[in-house]
Amino acid sequence: MKSNHLYPLAGLALLALAAPVIAHSFSVGKIAIGHPWTRETAATQTVGGGFLTVRNNGKTADRLVSTTSPFATEVQMHSMSMDRGVMKMRQLKEGIAIAAGKTVELKPGGLHIMFIGLKKAFKKGAKIPATLKFERAGSVKVEFAVQPVGSTAPMEAGHVGH
């Protein structure tokens, strides 16, 4: 006689195995990076935005000081804001502060990474390699999932290219 009480456990085991595929996260030291993503770009486009979340699980503040990618000649960190109906974007030369115990979201219309001088177009479903460098935690290699042009947030389960 077979026991049916093991089926729920089998389902949980399968979910646990799938989690790394769905999660699309990276970490270095006490810093956790979640869901790096970017949008598909046109063949002639020379810039693209990068978005992700950064969680500082430590007891000391840290700072994202730089990003590099072989797909761009330069990568900068920017802030974007609206002032009397005019969009203003500025480079954050000092990087982005990540307070202890806090999460910072880089998203469209706010803080973001700017890939400048694209060496080739970002194609939907591809992964764009980059290295994030933190003042205290050090460097970590990540991959930005390329999503459709109109995306406004990371695509979770069923992630494009994952």
Protein backbone atom coordinates (compact mmCIF):
# COMPACT_ATOMS: atom_id res chain seq x y z
CA MET A 1 0.00 0.00 0.00
CA LYS A 2 1.46 3.40 -1.03
CA SER A 3 1.31 6.41 1.23
CA ASN A 4 -0.02 9.69 -0.22
CA HIS A 5 1.37 11.85 2.59
CA LEU A 6 4.76 12.08 0.80
CA TYR A 7 3.38 13.94 -2.23
CA PRO A 8 3.33 17.38 -0.53
CA LEU A 9 6.94 16.83 0.58
CA ALA A 10 7.97 15.91 -2.96
CA GLY A 11 6.38 19.13 -4.22
CA LEU A 12 8.28 21.20 -1.67
CA ALA A 13 11.53 19.50 -2.66
CA LEU A 14 10.93 20.39 -6.31
CA LEU A 15 10.24 24.02 -5.38
CA ALA A 16 13.48 24.15 -3.37
CA LEU A 17 15.43 22.87 -6.38
CA ALA A 18 13.78 25.45 -8.68
CA ALA A 19 14.37 28.40 -6.33
CA PRO A 20 17.90 29.22 -7.56
CA VAL A 21 16.62 29.40 -11.15
CA ILE A 22 13.70 31.68 -10.22
CA ALA A 23 15.64 33.77 -7.66
CA HIS A 24 18.22 35.36 -10.02
CA SER A 25 20.20 36.73 -7.09
CA PHE A 26 23.84 37.26 -6.21
CA SER A 27 25.75 38.15 -3.05
CA VAL A 28 29.10 39.35 -1.75
CA GLY A 29 29.82 39.61 1.97
CA LYS A 30 26.69 40.96 3.68
CA ILE A 31 25.36 42.45 0.42
CA ALA A 32 22.55 40.67 -1.46
CA ILE A 33 21.73 41.69 -5.05
CA GLY A 34 18.33 40.72 -6.40
CA HIS A 35 16.99 40.45 -9.94
CA PRO A 36 19.40 42.51 -12.07
CA TRP A 37 17.57 43.35 -15.30
CA THR A 38 17.71 45.67 -18.28
CA ARG A 39 15.56 46.35 -21.33
CA GLU A 40 16.07 45.27 -24.91
CA THR A 41 17.74 48.03 -26.96
CA ALA A 42 17.50 49.05 -30.60
CA ALA A 43 20.43 48.23 -32.90
CA THR A 44 21.48 51.92 -33.05
CA GLN A 45 20.92 52.67 -29.35
CA THR A 46 24.10 53.70 -27.49
CA VAL A 47 22.81 53.61 -23.88
CA GLY A 48 20.76 51.29 -21.70
CA GLY A 49 19.56 51.26 -18.09
CA GLY A 50 20.26 48.63 -15.44
CA PHE A 51 18.00 47.89 -12.49
CA LEU A 52 18.22 45.71 -9.37
CA THR A 53 17.78 45.65 -5.62
CA VAL A 54 20.65 45.83 -3.13
CA ARG A 55 20.11 44.62 0.45
CA ASN A 56 22.74 45.34 3.11
CA ASN A 57 22.36 42.56 5.69
CA GLY A 58 25.33 43.87 7.66
CA LYS A 59 25.64 46.21 10.62
CA THR A 60 27.84 48.69 8.72
CA ALA A 61 26.85 50.96 5.85
CA ASP A 62 28.35 50.18 2.44
CA ARG A 63 28.37 51.90 -0.94
CA LEU A 64 28.07 50.71 -4.53
CA VAL A 65 31.05 52.60 -5.94
CA SER A 66 31.31 51.34 -9.52
CA THR A 67 30.04 48.95 -12.17
CA THR A 68 31.80 47.62 -15.25
CA SER A 69 30.60 45.51 -18.18
CA PRO A 70 32.28 44.19 -21.32
CA PHE A 71 29.11 45.24 -23.20
CA ALA A 72 29.63 49.00 -22.61
CA THR A 73 32.58 51.38 -22.85
CA GLU A 74 31.49 53.03 -19.58
CA VAL A 75 29.00 52.29 -16.82
CA GLN A 76 27.73 55.02 -14.47
CA MET A 77 25.30 55.25 -11.58
CA HIS A 78 22.56 57.83 -11.98
CA SER A 79 19.60 59.34 -10.20
CA MET A 80 16.52 60.53 -12.04
CA SER A 81 13.92 62.97 -10.75
CA MET A 82 11.18 65.26 -12.00
CA ASP A 83 11.41 69.01 -11.36
CA ARG A 84 8.39 71.07 -12.53
CA GLY A 85 7.62 68.54 -15.24
CA VAL A 86 11.22 68.29 -16.44
CA MET A 87 13.09 65.02 -16.07
CA LYS A 88 16.55 65.50 -14.58
CA MET A 89 19.22 62.85 -14.57
CA ARG A 90 22.58 63.19 -12.86
CA GLN A 91 25.59 60.99 -12.42
CA LEU A 92 26.32 59.86 -8.85
CA LYS A 93 30.12 60.05 -8.88
CA GLU A 94 30.31 59.05 -5.20
CA GLY A 95 28.20 55.95 -5.84
CA ILE A 96 25.04 54.79 -4.08
CA ALA A 97 24.94 54.48 -0.28
CA ILE A 98 23.47 51.27 1.13
CA ALA A 99 22.64 51.80 4.82
CA ALA A 100 23.06 48.89 7.25
CA GLY A 101 19.97 46.69 7.36
CA LYS A 102 18.32 48.51 4.43
CA THR A 103 17.37 47.75 0.82
CA VAL A 104 17.91 50.18 -2.06
CA GLU A 105 15.96 49.65 -5.27
CA LEU A 106 17.44 50.74 -8.59
CA LYS A 107 14.44 51.10 -10.90
CA PRO A 108 13.13 53.03 -13.90
CA GLY A 109 12.45 56.66 -12.97
CA GLY A 110 14.80 56.60 -9.95
CA LEU A 111 18.27 55.37 -9.10
CA HIS A 112 19.71 53.22 -11.88
CA ILE A 113 22.84 52.00 -13.62
CA MET A 114 23.55 53.51 -17.04
CA PHE A 115 25.38 51.43 -19.65
CA ILE A 116 27.05 53.97 -21.98
CA GLY A 117 28.61 53.26 -25.36
CA LEU A 118 26.91 49.92 -25.95
CA LYS A 119 29.15 47.58 -27.94
CA LYS A 120 26.11 45.69 -29.25
CA ALA A 121 22.37 45.76 -28.78
CA PHE A 122 20.82 44.09 -25.73
CA LYS A 123 18.57 41.32 -27.09
CA LYS A 124 15.51 40.00 -25.22
CA GLY A 125 16.38 36.81 -23.36
CA ALA A 126 20.14 37.51 -23.21
CA LYS A 127 22.18 38.00 -20.07
CA ILE A 128 24.49 41.01 -19.79
CA PRO A 129 27.52 40.35 -17.55
CA ALA A 130 28.68 43.07 -15.19
CA THR A 131 30.79 43.48 -12.08
CA LEU A 132 29.48 45.53 -9.17
CA LYS A 133 32.09 46.94 -6.79
CA PHE A 134 31.17 47.82 -3.21
CA GLU A 135 33.33 49.96 -0.94
CA ARG A 136 33.41 47.40 1.91
CA ALA A 137 32.02 44.10 0.59
CA GLY A 138 34.18 44.01 -2.55
CA SER A 139 33.27 42.96 -6.07
CA VAL A 140 30.65 40.54 -7.39
CA LYS A 141 29.89 39.34 -10.91
CA VAL A 142 26.21 39.55 -11.86
CA GLU A 143 24.10 39.06 -14.98
CA PHE A 144 21.40 41.50 -16.08
CA ALA A 145 18.45 39.63 -17.65
CA VAL A 146 17.35 41.42 -20.84
CA GLN A 147 13.58 41.93 -20.80
CA PRO A 148 11.19 43.38 -23.42
CA VAL A 149 11.39 47.10 -24.22
CA GLY A 150 8.30 48.12 -22.21
CA SER A 151 9.28 46.33 -18.98
CA THR A 152 8.88 48.35 -15.79
CA ALA A 153 9.94 45.73 -13.22
CA PRO A 154 11.80 42.42 -13.09
CA MET A 155 9.94 39.45 -14.48
CA GLU A 156 9.89 36.87 -11.68
CA ALA A 157 8.95 33.24 -12.32
CA GLY A 158 9.21 32.70 -16.03
CA HIS A 159 12.02 35.26 -16.16
CA VAL A 160 13.05 35.98 -19.74
CA GLY A 161 16.18 33.97 -20.40
CA HIS A 162 16.00 32.04 -17.12
